[in-house]
PDB file of N, CA and C in Angstrom:
ATOM      1  N   MET A   1     -30.000 -10.027  57.343  1.00  0.00           N
ATOM      2  CA  MET A   1     -29.541  -9.024  58.286  1.00  0.00           C
ATOM      3  C   MET A   1     -28.343  -9.588  59.050  1.00  0.00           C
ATOM      4  N   GLU A   2     -27.312  -8.787  59.135  1.00  0.00           N
ATOM      5  CA  GLU A   2     -26.107  -9.177  59.872  1.00  0.00           C
ATOM      6  C   GLU A   2     -26.218  -8.667  61.304  1.00  0.00           C
ATOM      7  N   THR A   3     -25.852  -9.498  62.267  1.00  0.00           N
ATOM      8  CA  THR A   3     -25.903  -9.109  63.669  1.00  0.00           C
ATOM      9  C   THR A   3     -24.507  -8.734  64.154  1.00  0.00           C
ATOM     10  N   ILE A   4     -24.403  -7.562  64.767  1.00  0.00           N
ATOM     11  CA  ILE A   4     -23.148  -7.087  65.345  1.00  0.00           C
ATOM     12  C   ILE A   4     -23.296  -7.174  66.860  1.00  0.00           C
ATOM     13  N   THR A   5     -22.412  -7.919  67.509  1.00  0.00           N
ATOM     14  CA  THR A   5     -22.508  -8.071  68.957  1.00  0.00           C
ATOM     15  C   THR A   5     -21.558  -7.114  69.665  1.00  0.00           C
ATOM     16  N   ILE A   6     -22.060  -6.568  70.772  1.00  0.00           N
ATOM     17  CA  ILE A   6     -21.249  -5.659  71.584  1.00  0.00           C
ATOM     18  C   ILE A   6     -21.255  -6.163  73.027  1.00  0.00           C
ATOM     19  N   SER A   7     -20.231  -5.806  73.767  1.00  0.00           N
ATOM     20  CA  SER A   7     -20.144  -6.225  75.163  1.00  0.00           C
ATOM     21  C   SER A   7     -20.270  -5.033  76.120  1.00  0.00           C
ATOM     22  N   THR A   8     -20.551  -3.864  75.561  1.00  0.00           N
ATOM     23  CA  THR A   8     -20.713  -2.649  76.352  1.00  0.00           C
ATOM     24  C   THR A   8     -22.178  -2.203  76.298  1.00  0.00           C
ATOM     25  N   GLU A   9     -22.515  -1.183  77.067  1.00  0.00           N
ATOM     26  CA  GLU A   9     -23.901  -0.698  77.102  1.00  0.00           C
ATOM     27  C   GLU A   9     -24.353  -0.176  75.738  1.00  0.00           C
ATOM     28  N   PHE A  10     -23.444   0.490  75.022  1.00  0.00           N
ATOM     29  CA  PHE A  10     -23.773   1.053  73.714  1.00  0.00           C
ATOM     30  C   PHE A  10     -22.516   1.112  72.860  1.00  0.00           C
ATOM     31  N   ILE A  11     -22.717   1.408  71.574  1.00  0.00           N
ATOM     32  CA  ILE A  11     -21.606   1.659  70.661  1.00  0.00           C
ATOM     33  C   ILE A  11     -21.995   2.859  69.815  1.00  0.00           C
ATOM     34  N   ARG A  12     -21.044   3.719  69.546  1.00  0.00           N
ATOM     35  CA  ARG A  12     -21.326   4.895  68.714  1.00  0.00           C
ATOM     36  C   ARG A  12     -21.390   4.477  67.242  1.00  0.00           C
ATOM     37  N   LEU A  13     -22.217   5.179  66.488  1.00  0.00           N
ATOM     38  CA  LEU A  13     -22.464   4.827  65.095  1.00  0.00           C
ATOM     39  C   LEU A  13     -21.181   4.707  64.287  1.00  0.00           C
ATOM     40  N   GLN A  14     -20.291   5.688  64.379  1.00  0.00           N
ATOM     41  CA  GLN A  14     -19.062   5.616  63.572  1.00  0.00           C
ATOM     42  C   GLN A  14     -18.198   4.425  63.979  1.00  0.00           C
ATOM     43  N   ASP A  15     -18.207   4.075  65.272  1.00  0.00           N
ATOM     44  CA  ASP A  15     -17.435   2.924  65.734  1.00  0.00           C
ATOM     45  C   ASP A  15     -18.054   1.611  65.244  1.00  0.00           C
ATOM     46  N   LEU A  16     -19.378   1.566  65.204  1.00  0.00           N
ATOM     47  CA  LEU A  16     -20.053   0.383  64.669  1.00  0.00           C
ATOM     48  C   LEU A  16     -19.698   0.184  63.201  1.00  0.00           C
ATOM     49  N   MET A  17     -19.667   1.276  62.456  1.00  0.00           N
ATOM     50  CA  MET A  17     -19.359   1.167  61.029  1.00  0.00           C
ATOM     51  C   MET A  17     -17.952   0.620  60.810  1.00  0.00           C
ATOM     52  N   LYS A  18     -17.024   1.011  61.665  1.00  0.00           N
ATOM     53  CA  LYS A  18     -15.660   0.472  61.563  1.00  0.00           C
ATOM     54  C   LYS A  18     -15.629  -0.991  61.991  1.00  0.00           C
ATOM     55  N   LEU A  19     -16.295  -1.317  63.102  1.00  0.00           N
ATOM     56  CA  LEU A  19     -16.329  -2.683  63.613  1.00  0.00           C
ATOM     57  C   LEU A  19     -16.927  -3.656  62.597  1.00  0.00           C
ATOM     58  N   ALA A  20     -17.973  -3.229  61.918  1.00  0.00           N
ATOM     59  CA  ALA A  20     -18.669  -4.081  60.955  1.00  0.00           C
ATOM     60  C   ALA A  20     -18.020  -4.047  59.565  1.00  0.00           C
ATOM     61  N   ASN A  21     -16.889  -3.373  59.448  1.00  0.00           N
ATOM     62  CA  ASN A  21     -16.171  -3.246  58.172  1.00  0.00           C
ATOM     63  C   ASN A  21     -17.010  -2.602  57.066  1.00  0.00           C
ATOM     64  N   MET A  22     -17.887  -1.686  57.463  1.00  0.00           N
ATOM     65  CA  MET A  22     -18.648  -0.914  56.473  1.00  0.00           C
ATOM     66  C   MET A  22     -17.745   0.141  55.855  1.00  0.00           C
ATOM     67  N   VAL A  23     -16.769   0.608  56.649  1.00  0.00           N
ATOM     68  CA  VAL A  23     -15.822   1.641  56.216  1.00  0.00           C
ATOM     69  C   VAL A  23     -14.432   1.248  56.701  1.00  0.00           C
ATOM     70  N   SER A  24     -13.429   1.884  56.139  1.00  0.00           N
ATOM     71  CA  SER A  24     -12.057   1.571  56.545  1.00  0.00           C
ATOM     72  C   SER A  24     -11.500   2.546  57.580  1.00  0.00           C
ATOM     73  N   SER A  25     -12.206   3.683  57.778  1.00  0.00           N
ATOM     74  CA  SER A  25     -11.697   4.659  58.747  1.00  0.00           C
ATOM     75  C   SER A  25     -12.838   5.476  59.336  1.00  0.00           C
ATOM     76  N   GLY A  26     -12.542   6.106  60.460  1.00  0.00           N
ATOM     77  CA  GLY A  26     -13.519   6.987  61.086  1.00  0.00           C
ATOM     78  C   GLY A  26     -13.840   8.192  60.222  1.00  0.00           C
ATOM     79  N   GLY A  27     -12.849   8.668  59.502  1.00  0.00           N
ATOM     80  CA  GLY A  27     -13.062   9.809  58.606  1.00  0.00           C
ATOM     81  C   GLY A  27     -14.040   9.483  57.493  1.00  0.00           C
ATOM     82  N   GLU A  28     -13.921   8.273  56.955  1.00  0.00           N
ATOM     83  CA  GLU A  28     -14.846   7.835  55.906  1.00  0.00           C
ATOM     84  C   GLU A  28     -16.260   7.723  56.478  1.00  0.00           C
ATOM     85  N   ALA A  29     -16.375   7.176  57.686  1.00  0.00           N
ATOM     86  CA  ALA A  29     -17.682   7.054  58.342  1.00  0.00           C
ATOM     87  C   ALA A  29     -18.300   8.431  58.542  1.00  0.00           C
ATOM     88  N   LYS A  30     -17.506   9.383  59.003  1.00  0.00           N
ATOM     89  CA  LYS A  30     -17.989  10.742  59.248  1.00  0.00           C
ATOM     90  C   LYS A  30     -18.608  11.341  57.985  1.00  0.00           C
ATOM     91  N   VAL A  31     -17.917  11.228  56.872  1.00  0.00           N
ATOM     92  CA  VAL A  31     -18.401  11.800  55.619  1.00  0.00           C
ATOM     93  C   VAL A  31     -19.710  11.135  55.192  1.00  0.00           C
ATOM     94  N   LEU A  32     -19.781   9.818  55.260  1.00  0.00           N
ATOM     95  CA  LEU A  32     -20.973   9.088  54.830  1.00  0.00           C
ATOM     96  C   LEU A  32     -22.166   9.401  55.730  1.00  0.00           C
ATOM     97  N   ILE A  33     -21.928   9.503  57.032  1.00  0.00           N
ATOM     98  CA  ILE A  33     -23.008   9.821  57.972  1.00  0.00           C
ATOM     99  C   ILE A  33     -23.512  11.234  57.725  1.00  0.00           C
ATOM    100  N   GLN A  34     -22.613  12.192  57.628  1.00  0.00           N
ATOM    101  CA  GLN A  34     -23.007  13.587  57.423  1.00  0.00           C
ATOM    102  C   GLN A  34     -23.665  13.806  56.068  1.00  0.00           C
ATOM    103  N   ASP A  35     -23.415  12.903  55.125  1.00  0.00           N
ATOM    104  CA  ASP A  35     -24.019  12.974  53.796  1.00  0.00           C
ATOM    105  C   ASP A  35     -25.405  12.326  53.775  1.00  0.00           C
ATOM    106  N   GLY A  36     -25.834  11.763  54.910  1.00  0.00           N
ATOM    107  CA  GLY A  36     -27.161  11.177  55.005  1.00  0.00           C
ATOM    108  C   GLY A  36     -27.279   9.788  54.400  1.00  0.00           C
ATOM    109  N   GLN A  37     -26.168   9.091  54.247  1.00  0.00           N
ATOM    110  CA  GLN A  37     -26.193   7.774  53.615  1.00  0.00           C
ATOM    111  C   GLN A  37     -26.412   6.614  54.590  1.00  0.00           C
ATOM    112  N   VAL A  38     -26.579   6.927  55.877  1.00  0.00           N
ATOM    113  CA  VAL A  38     -26.744   5.899  56.896  1.00  0.00           C
ATOM    114  C   VAL A  38     -28.079   6.102  57.605  1.00  0.00           C
ATOM    115  N   GLU A  39     -28.836   5.018  57.778  1.00  0.00           N
ATOM    116  CA  GLU A  39     -30.104   5.078  58.493  1.00  0.00           C
ATOM    117  C   GLU A  39     -29.993   4.313  59.800  1.00  0.00           C
ATOM    118  N   VAL A  40     -30.609   4.855  60.840  1.00  0.00           N
ATOM    119  CA  VAL A  40     -30.709   4.177  62.135  1.00  0.00           C
ATOM    120  C   VAL A  40     -32.194   4.011  62.422  1.00  0.00           C
ATOM    121  N   ASN A  41     -32.600   2.773  62.613  1.00  0.00           N
ATOM    122  CA  ASN A  41     -34.014   2.464  62.877  1.00  0.00           C
ATOM    123  C   ASN A  41     -34.939   3.057  61.820  1.00  0.00           C
ATOM    124  N   GLY A  42     -34.509   3.003  60.557  1.00  0.00           N
ATOM    125  CA  GLY A  42     -35.352   3.429  59.438  1.00  0.00           C
ATOM    126  C   GLY A  42     -35.335   4.902  59.104  1.00  0.00           C
ATOM    127  N   GLU A  43     -34.558   5.693  59.838  1.00  0.00           N
ATOM    128  CA  GLU A  43     -34.490   7.131  59.566  1.00  0.00           C
ATOM    129  C   GLU A  43     -33.048   7.566  59.347  1.00  0.00           C
ATOM    130  N   ALA A  44     -32.842   8.494  58.420  1.00  0.00           N
ATOM    131  CA  ALA A  44     -31.492   9.010  58.165  1.00  0.00           C
ATOM    132  C   ALA A  44     -30.921   9.590  59.464  1.00  0.00           C
ATOM    133  N   CYS A  45     -29.669   9.285  59.729  1.00  0.00           N
ATOM    134  CA  CYS A  45     -29.012   9.760  60.943  1.00  0.00           C
ATOM    135  C   CYS A  45     -27.779  10.563  60.546  1.00  0.00           C
ATOM    136  N   LEU A  46     -27.681  11.786  61.031  1.00  0.00           N
ATOM    137  CA  LEU A  46     -26.550  12.649  60.707  1.00  0.00           C
ATOM    138  C   LEU A  46     -25.585  12.794  61.877  1.00  0.00           C
ATOM    139  N   GLN A  47     -25.809  12.036  62.957  1.00  0.00           N
ATOM    140  CA  GLN A  47     -24.969  12.127  64.154  1.00  0.00           C
ATOM    141  C   GLN A  47     -23.994  10.955  64.186  1.00  0.00           C
ATOM    142  N   ARG A  48     -22.735  11.216  63.947  1.00  0.00           N
ATOM    143  CA  ARG A  48     -21.769  10.120  63.939  1.00  0.00           C
ATOM    144  C   ARG A  48     -21.553   9.531  65.326  1.00  0.00           C
ATOM    145  N   GLY A  49     -21.837  10.297  66.364  1.00  0.00           N
ATOM    146  CA  GLY A  49     -21.680   9.824  67.733  1.00  0.00           C
ATOM    147  C   GLY A  49     -22.958   9.235  68.311  1.00  0.00           C
ATOM    148  N   LYS A  50     -23.963   9.006  67.469  1.00  0.00           N
ATOM    149  CA  LYS A  50     -25.240   8.440  67.920  1.00  0.00           C
ATOM    150  C   LYS A  50     -24.979   7.150  68.686  1.00  0.00           C
ATOM    151  N   LYS A  51     -25.551   7.048  69.885  1.00  0.00           N
ATOM    152  CA  LYS A  51     -25.369   5.854  70.703  1.00  0.00           C
ATOM    153  C   LYS A  51     -26.359   4.780  70.264  1.00  0.00           C
ATOM    154  N   LEU A  52     -25.829   3.633  69.896  1.00  0.00           N
ATOM    155  CA  LEU A  52     -26.653   2.509  69.475  1.00  0.00           C
ATOM    156  C   LEU A  52     -26.649   1.451  70.555  1.00  0.00           C
ATOM    157  N   ARG A  53     -27.807   0.899  70.810  1.00  0.00           N
ATOM    158  CA  ARG A  53     -27.959  -0.135  71.829  1.00  0.00           C
ATOM    159  C   ARG A  53     -28.600  -1.368  71.200  1.00  0.00           C
ATOM    160  N   PRO A  54     -28.512  -2.509  71.866  1.00  0.00           N
ATOM    161  CA  PRO A  54     -29.168  -3.709  71.329  1.00  0.00           C
ATOM    162  C   PRO A  54     -30.636  -3.426  71.008  1.00  0.00           C
ATOM    163  N   GLY A  55     -31.065  -3.925  69.874  1.00  0.00           N
ATOM    164  CA  GLY A  55     -32.415  -3.664  69.378  1.00  0.00           C
ATOM    165  C   GLY A  55     -32.428  -2.627  68.270  1.00  0.00           C
ATOM    166  N   ASP A  56     -31.382  -1.791  68.192  1.00  0.00           N
ATOM    167  CA  ASP A  56     -31.285  -0.813  67.113  1.00  0.00           C
ATOM    168  C   ASP A  56     -30.831  -1.500  65.833  1.00  0.00           C
ATOM    169  N   THR A  57     -31.226  -0.928  64.700  1.00  0.00           N
ATOM    170  CA  THR A  57     -30.763  -1.428  63.410  1.00  0.00           C
ATOM    171  C   THR A  57     -30.143  -0.283  62.616  1.00  0.00           C
ATOM    172  N   VAL A  58     -29.137  -0.612  61.834  1.00  0.00           N
ATOM    173  CA  VAL A  58     -28.448   0.354  60.980  1.00  0.00           C
ATOM    174  C   VAL A  58     -28.547  -0.153  59.550  1.00  0.00           C
ATOM    175  N   THR A  59     -28.877   0.740  58.622  1.00  0.00           N
ATOM    176  CA  THR A  59     -28.934   0.389  57.207  1.00  0.00           C
ATOM    177  C   THR A  59     -27.920   1.240  56.462  1.00  0.00           C
ATOM    178  N   PHE A  60     -27.082   0.556  55.677  1.00  0.00           N
ATOM    179  CA  PHE A  60     -26.058   1.248  54.887  1.00  0.00           C
ATOM    180  C   PHE A  60     -25.857   0.461  53.600  1.00  0.00           C
ATOM    181  N   GLN A  61     -25.954   1.138  52.473  1.00  0.00           N
ATOM    182  CA  GLN A  61     -25.796   0.531  51.156  1.00  0.00           C
ATOM    183  C   GLN A  61     -26.682  -0.707  50.997  1.00  0.00           C
ATOM    184  N   SER A  62     -27.957  -0.555  51.361  1.00  0.00           N
ATOM    185  CA  SER A  62     -28.983  -1.594  51.229  1.00  0.00           C
ATOM    186  C   SER A  62     -28.722  -2.837  52.074  1.00  0.00           C
ATOM    187  N   ARG A  63     -27.852  -2.738  53.068  1.00  0.00           N
ATOM    188  CA  ARG A  63     -27.603  -3.852  53.983  1.00  0.00           C
ATOM    189  C   ARG A  63     -28.027  -3.440  55.378  1.00  0.00           C
ATOM    190  N   ASP A  64     -28.626  -4.376  56.094  1.00  0.00           N
ATOM    191  CA  ASP A  64     -29.108  -4.118  57.445  1.00  0.00           C
ATOM    192  C   ASP A  64     -28.215  -4.791  58.469  1.00  0.00           C
ATOM    193  N   TYR A  65     -27.990  -4.089  59.565  1.00  0.00           N
ATOM    194  CA  TYR A  65     -27.164  -4.574  60.662  1.00  0.00           C
ATOM    195  C   TYR A  65     -27.936  -4.403  61.964  1.00  0.00           C
ATOM    196  N   ALA A  66     -28.033  -5.464  62.755  1.00  0.00           N
ATOM    197  CA  ALA A  66     -28.724  -5.417  64.032  1.00  0.00           C
ATOM    198  C   ALA A  66     -27.697  -5.427  65.146  1.00  0.00           C
ATOM    199  N   ILE A  67     -27.979  -4.695  66.220  1.00  0.00           N
ATOM    200  CA  ILE A  67     -27.084  -4.636  67.362  1.00  0.00           C
ATOM    201  C   ILE A  67     -27.606  -5.599  68.426  1.00  0.00           C
ATOM    202  N   ALA A  68     -26.712  -6.413  69.000  1.00  0.00           N
ATOM    203  CA  ALA A  68     -27.097  -7.352  70.057  1.00  0.00           C
ATOM    204  C   ALA A  68     -25.962  -7.455  71.071  1.00  0.00           C
ATOM    205  N   TYR A  69     -26.316  -7.832  72.300  1.00  0.00           N
ATOM    206  CA  TYR A  69     -25.306  -8.065  73.323  1.00  0.00           C
ATOM    207  C   TYR A  69     -24.611  -9.395  73.067  1.00  0.00           C
ATOM    208  N   ALA A  70     -23.323  -9.441  73.308  1.00  0.00           N
ATOM    209  CA  ALA A  70     -22.577 -10.696  73.233  1.00  0.00           C
ATOM    210  C   ALA A  70     -23.043 -11.575  74.386  1.00  0.00           C
ATOM    211  N   THR A  71     -23.147 -12.863  74.130  1.00  0.00           N
ATOM    212  CA  THR A  71     -23.609 -13.770  75.195  1.00  0.00           C
ATOM    213  C   THR A  71     -22.468 -14.557  75.767  1.00  0.00           C
TER     214      THR A  71
END
């Protein structure tokens, strides 16, 4: 599992996908999310603006990403 660190209270799903280099653009993230190809905490998520906080996990293309605060 790859850990993505954030320094803010939350990060939106599409922004996380760009930050973690899962996609090359917000438009690509939008299509993949709306197509049901992204899971948040084990469930398909269709909201590209979903707020993710430390403790949440994202699964995309059989890879898991954990959200954590930067220390």
